[in-house]
Amino acid sequence: MCSTPRKMVECRICQDEDEDSNMETPCSCCGSLKYAHRRCVQRWCNEKGNTICEICHQQFTPGYTAPPPLYQIRRIPVNLSICYRESSNRTQHRRHQEESPNVSFAAEAELSSEQAQQHINNVP
């Protein structure tokens, strides 16, 4: 049984080398930009919010998807989920402090500034 030797190529996104049979050619780019892992291209599409190659301007194929933008401000897509997560984390932290403060304000006043900073850094 004769097997075809596999060619090693580099993923244009993660720069890992892999056999060409494990790579896709998702657009019209050629040369060193021709190959990419499917998971890398999909992750990139998710991150940038579309399925268009920014180099050759072709649609990535086959079957890549991108999440729709949540909001548009003057025709510019804006993803506000990061702001929401940070705000939500601050609210949860504030609630936690109100429900079960680790150190009372009076006790904090007695701490040195270095101890107070250590306490602040250790609060979840």
Foldseek 3Di string as FASTA:
>chain_A
DDDDDFDWAAAPQPRDIDTQVQWQQFFDDDDNHRTHHPVRLLVVCQVVFHQADPPPRHGGDDPRDYDHAPDADPNRGDHCVVVVVVVVVVVVLVVVCVVDNPDDPVRLVVDDPVVNVVVVVPRD
